[in-house]
């Protein structure tokens, strides 16, 4: 079951929505509901992750300096390797 809700849009946004609806053969209502659903899904996920991180921080659950250093070292080594591969590929050697 669905409910009706009124939303105010700037004229240019409404025009864009109408063009998109025509191009995708979907109704404006469908596209608006889908956009709202995706926005809510993303923001609920982000808020959940922030709240989980705050709980971990409040519990003192932090990575040690050594763990952080190992991650940076690993990413730096991978980044250097990937950068070198990219240069070789751009020169036709990869």
N, C-alpha and C. Protein backbone atom coordinates (compact mmCIF):
# COMPACT_ATOMS: atom_id res chain seq x y z
N UNK A 1 0.84 -1.17 0.00
CA UNK A 1 0.00 0.00 0.00
C UNK A 1 0.89 1.24 0.00
N UNK A 2 0.48 2.24 -0.70
CA UNK A 2 1.24 3.49 -0.73
C UNK A 2 0.35 4.63 -0.26
N UNK A 3 0.99 5.72 0.12
CA UNK A 3 0.28 6.91 0.56
C UNK A 3 0.69 8.08 -0.33
N UNK A 4 -0.12 9.10 -0.33
CA UNK A 4 0.16 10.28 -1.14
C UNK A 4 0.84 11.32 -0.29
N UNK A 5 1.82 11.99 -0.89
CA UNK A 5 2.56 13.03 -0.21
C UNK A 5 2.81 14.15 -1.22
N UNK A 6 2.69 15.38 -0.80
CA UNK A 6 2.94 16.52 -1.68
C UNK A 6 4.35 17.03 -1.43
N UNK A 7 5.07 17.29 -2.51
CA UNK A 7 6.44 17.79 -2.42
C UNK A 7 6.55 19.02 -3.30
N UNK A 8 7.15 20.06 -2.77
CA UNK A 8 7.40 21.27 -3.56
C UNK A 8 8.76 21.16 -4.23
N UNK A 9 8.79 21.43 -5.53
CA UNK A 9 10.03 21.38 -6.29
C UNK A 9 10.25 22.71 -6.99
N UNK A 10 11.51 23.05 -7.16
CA UNK A 10 11.84 24.20 -7.99
C UNK A 10 11.42 23.86 -9.42
N UNK A 11 10.97 24.85 -10.18
CA UNK A 11 10.50 24.59 -11.55
C UNK A 11 11.51 23.83 -12.41
N UNK A 12 12.78 24.17 -12.31
CA UNK A 12 13.78 23.49 -13.14
C UNK A 12 13.96 22.03 -12.74
N UNK A 13 13.81 21.74 -11.44
CA UNK A 13 13.90 20.36 -10.98
C UNK A 13 12.69 19.56 -11.47
N UNK A 14 11.52 20.17 -11.44
CA UNK A 14 10.32 19.50 -11.95
C UNK A 14 10.47 19.19 -13.44
N UNK A 15 11.03 20.13 -14.20
CA UNK A 15 11.25 19.91 -15.63
C UNK A 15 12.22 18.76 -15.87
N UNK A 16 13.27 18.71 -15.08
CA UNK A 16 14.24 17.62 -15.22
C UNK A 16 13.59 16.28 -14.89
N UNK A 17 12.76 16.27 -13.85
CA UNK A 17 12.05 15.05 -13.47
C UNK A 17 11.12 14.61 -14.60
N UNK A 18 10.43 15.55 -15.19
CA UNK A 18 9.53 15.22 -16.31
C UNK A 18 10.29 14.65 -17.51
N UNK A 19 11.46 15.25 -17.82
CA UNK A 19 12.27 14.74 -18.93
C UNK A 19 12.78 13.32 -18.63
N UNK A 20 13.20 13.12 -17.40
CA UNK A 20 13.69 11.79 -17.02
C UNK A 20 12.56 10.77 -17.06
N UNK A 21 11.38 11.15 -16.59
CA UNK A 21 10.23 10.25 -16.63
C UNK A 21 9.91 9.86 -18.07
N UNK A 22 9.93 10.82 -18.96
CA UNK A 22 9.64 10.53 -20.37
C UNK A 22 10.71 9.63 -20.97
N UNK A 23 11.96 9.91 -20.66
CA UNK A 23 13.07 9.14 -21.23
C UNK A 23 13.09 7.70 -20.72
N UNK A 24 12.68 7.49 -19.48
CA UNK A 24 12.73 6.15 -18.88
C UNK A 24 11.39 5.43 -18.93
N UNK A 25 10.38 6.11 -19.45
CA UNK A 25 9.02 5.54 -19.51
C UNK A 25 8.53 5.14 -18.12
N UNK A 26 8.84 5.97 -17.15
CA UNK A 26 8.38 5.79 -15.77
C UNK A 26 7.59 7.02 -15.38
N UNK A 27 6.76 6.88 -14.36
CA UNK A 27 6.00 8.05 -13.90
C UNK A 27 6.88 8.93 -13.03
N UNK A 28 6.49 10.19 -12.93
CA UNK A 28 7.22 11.10 -12.03
C UNK A 28 7.13 10.58 -10.61
N UNK A 29 5.97 10.08 -10.23
CA UNK A 29 5.79 9.55 -8.87
C UNK A 29 6.73 8.39 -8.58
N UNK A 30 6.87 7.49 -9.55
CA UNK A 30 7.77 6.36 -9.37
C UNK A 30 9.20 6.85 -9.17
N UNK A 31 9.65 7.76 -10.04
CA UNK A 31 11.02 8.25 -9.94
C UNK A 31 11.25 9.01 -8.64
N UNK A 32 10.29 9.81 -8.22
CA UNK A 32 10.44 10.57 -6.97
C UNK A 32 10.49 9.62 -5.79
N UNK A 33 9.61 8.61 -5.76
CA UNK A 33 9.62 7.64 -4.66
C UNK A 33 10.92 6.86 -4.63
N UNK A 34 11.42 6.49 -5.81
CA UNK A 34 12.69 5.75 -5.88
C UNK A 34 13.86 6.62 -5.39
N UNK A 35 13.86 7.89 -5.77
CA UNK A 35 14.92 8.80 -5.32
C UNK A 35 14.88 8.98 -3.81
N UNK A 36 13.70 9.11 -3.26
CA UNK A 36 13.56 9.27 -1.81
C UNK A 36 14.00 7.99 -1.10
N UNK A 37 13.62 6.83 -1.64
CA UNK A 37 14.02 5.56 -1.02
C UNK A 37 15.54 5.43 -1.00
N UNK A 38 16.19 5.73 -2.12
CA UNK A 38 17.65 5.63 -2.19
C UNK A 38 18.32 6.61 -1.23
N UNK A 39 17.78 7.83 -1.14
CA UNK A 39 18.33 8.84 -0.23
C UNK A 39 18.22 8.36 1.21
N UNK A 40 17.06 7.84 1.57
CA UNK A 40 16.87 7.36 2.94
C UNK A 40 17.76 6.16 3.23
N UNK A 41 17.85 5.21 2.30
CA UNK A 41 18.72 4.05 2.49
C UNK A 41 20.16 4.49 2.76
N UNK A 42 20.66 5.39 1.94
CA UNK A 42 22.04 5.86 2.09
C UNK A 42 22.25 6.57 3.42
N UNK A 43 21.35 7.47 3.76
CA UNK A 43 21.52 8.23 4.99
C UNK A 43 21.31 7.39 6.23
N UNK A 44 20.39 6.43 6.20
CA UNK A 44 20.25 5.51 7.34
C UNK A 44 21.53 4.72 7.54
N UNK A 45 22.11 4.25 6.44
CA UNK A 45 23.35 3.48 6.53
C UNK A 45 24.46 4.35 7.12
N UNK A 46 24.62 5.57 6.60
CA UNK A 46 25.68 6.45 7.09
C UNK A 46 25.50 6.75 8.57
N UNK A 47 24.29 7.07 8.97
CA UNK A 47 24.03 7.38 10.39
C UNK A 47 24.32 6.16 11.25
N UNK A 48 23.91 4.98 10.78
CA UNK A 48 24.20 3.75 11.53
C UNK A 48 25.69 3.53 11.71
N UNK A 49 26.47 3.77 10.65
CA UNK A 49 27.92 3.60 10.74
C UNK A 49 28.55 4.62 11.69
N UNK A 50 28.08 5.84 11.65
CA UNK A 50 28.60 6.88 12.56
C UNK A 50 28.26 6.51 14.00
N UNK A 51 27.03 6.08 14.24
CA UNK A 51 26.64 5.70 15.60
C UNK A 51 27.46 4.51 16.09
N UNK A 52 27.71 3.53 15.22
CA UNK A 52 28.55 2.38 15.61
C UNK A 52 29.97 2.83 15.93
N UNK A 53 30.51 3.75 15.15
CA UNK A 53 31.86 4.26 15.39
C UNK A 53 31.93 5.02 16.71
N UNK A 54 30.89 5.77 17.02
CA UNK A 54 30.85 6.51 18.29
C UNK A 54 30.81 5.52 19.46
N UNK A 55 30.00 4.47 19.32
CA UNK A 55 29.95 3.45 20.39
C UNK A 55 31.32 2.80 20.59
N UNK A 56 32.00 2.49 19.48
CA UNK A 56 33.34 1.90 19.58
C UNK A 56 34.32 2.86 20.23
N UNK A 57 34.26 4.12 19.85
CA UNK A 57 35.15 5.12 20.44
C UNK A 57 34.86 5.30 21.92
N UNK A 58 33.58 5.35 22.28
CA UNK A 58 33.21 5.48 23.69
C UNK A 58 33.69 4.29 24.50
N UNK A 59 33.77 3.11 23.87
CA UNK A 59 34.24 1.90 24.55
C UNK A 59 35.76 1.80 24.54
N UNK A 60 36.42 2.78 23.90
CA UNK A 60 37.89 2.77 23.84
C UNK A 60 38.43 1.78 22.83
N UNK A 61 37.61 1.38 21.89
CA UNK A 61 38.01 0.39 20.89
C UNK A 61 38.67 1.11 19.71
N UNK A 62 39.98 1.35 19.83
CA UNK A 62 40.74 2.05 18.80
C UNK A 62 41.83 1.14 18.26
N UNK A 63 42.26 1.40 17.05
CA UNK A 63 43.41 0.69 16.49
C UNK A 63 44.66 1.21 17.18
N UNK A 64 45.61 0.31 17.37
CA UNK A 64 46.88 0.73 17.97
C UNK A 64 47.68 1.51 16.94
N UNK A 65 48.68 2.22 17.42
CA UNK A 65 49.54 2.97 16.50
C UNK A 65 50.22 2.03 15.52
N UNK A 66 50.61 0.84 15.98
CA UNK A 66 51.26 -0.14 15.11
C UNK A 66 50.29 -0.63 14.03
N UNK A 67 49.03 -0.89 14.40
CA UNK A 67 48.03 -1.34 13.41
C UNK A 67 47.80 -0.28 12.34
N UNK A 68 47.71 0.97 12.76
CA UNK A 68 47.50 2.06 11.81
C UNK A 68 48.71 2.17 10.88
N UNK A 69 49.90 2.08 11.44
CA UNK A 69 51.12 2.17 10.66
C UNK A 69 51.19 1.04 9.63
N UNK A 70 50.80 -0.18 10.03
CA UNK A 70 50.81 -1.31 9.10
C UNK A 70 49.85 -1.09 7.93
N UNK A 71 48.69 -0.55 8.21
CA UNK A 71 47.71 -0.28 7.15
C UNK A 71 48.27 0.76 6.19
N UNK A 72 48.83 1.84 6.74
CA UNK A 72 49.39 2.88 5.86
C UNK A 72 50.54 2.33 5.03
N UNK A 73 51.37 1.49 5.62
CA UNK A 73 52.48 0.90 4.89
C UNK A 73 51.97 0.01 3.77
N UNK A 74 50.97 -0.80 4.09
CA UNK A 74 50.41 -1.70 3.08
C UNK A 74 49.78 -0.90 1.93
N UNK A 75 49.01 0.13 2.26
CA UNK A 75 48.38 0.94 1.22
C UNK A 75 49.41 1.72 0.43
N UNK A 76 50.44 2.17 1.08
CA UNK A 76 51.49 2.91 0.38
C UNK A 76 52.20 2.00 -0.59
N UNK A 77 52.51 0.79 -0.17
CA UNK A 77 53.18 -0.16 -1.05
C UNK A 77 52.28 -0.51 -2.22
N UNK A 78 51.01 -0.76 -1.98
CA UNK A 78 50.07 -1.07 -3.05
C UNK A 78 49.89 0.13 -3.97
N UNK A 79 49.81 1.31 -3.40
CA UNK A 79 49.64 2.51 -4.20
C UNK A 79 50.83 2.74 -5.11
N UNK A 80 52.04 2.55 -4.57
CA UNK A 80 53.24 2.71 -5.39
C UNK A 80 53.25 1.70 -6.52
N UNK A 81 52.90 0.46 -6.20
CA UNK A 81 52.89 -0.60 -7.19
C UNK A 81 51.84 -0.31 -8.27
N UNK A 82 50.65 0.11 -7.86
CA UNK A 82 49.59 0.42 -8.82
C UNK A 82 49.96 1.63 -9.66
N UNK A 83 50.60 2.61 -9.06
CA UNK A 83 51.01 3.80 -9.81
C UNK A 83 52.05 3.41 -10.86
N UNK A 84 52.98 2.55 -10.49
CA UNK A 84 54.00 2.11 -11.44
C UNK A 84 53.36 1.34 -12.58
N UNK A 85 52.36 0.49 -12.27
CA UNK A 85 51.65 -0.25 -13.32
C UNK A 85 50.93 0.71 -14.25
N UNK A 86 50.32 1.73 -13.69
CA UNK A 86 49.60 2.71 -14.50
C UNK A 86 50.53 3.44 -15.45
N UNK A 87 51.72 3.80 -14.99
CA UNK A 87 52.71 4.47 -15.84
C UNK A 87 53.15 3.53 -16.94
N UNK A 88 53.41 2.27 -16.60
CA UNK A 88 53.84 1.31 -17.61
C UNK A 88 52.75 1.10 -18.65
N UNK A 89 51.49 1.02 -18.22
CA UNK A 89 50.39 0.84 -19.16
C UNK A 89 50.22 2.06 -20.06
N UNK A 90 50.39 3.24 -19.47
CA UNK A 90 50.22 4.45 -20.29
C UNK A 90 51.34 4.58 -21.31
N UNK A 91 52.45 3.93 -21.06
CA UNK A 91 53.58 3.95 -22.01
C UNK A 91 53.54 2.75 -22.94
N UNK A 92 52.48 1.95 -22.84
CA UNK A 92 52.33 0.79 -23.72
C UNK A 92 53.13 -0.41 -23.30
N UNK A 93 53.53 -0.47 -22.03
CA UNK A 93 54.34 -1.60 -21.55
C UNK A 93 53.54 -2.55 -20.66
N UNK A 94 52.25 -2.26 -20.41
CA UNK A 94 51.52 -3.08 -19.42
C UNK A 94 50.61 -4.05 -19.96
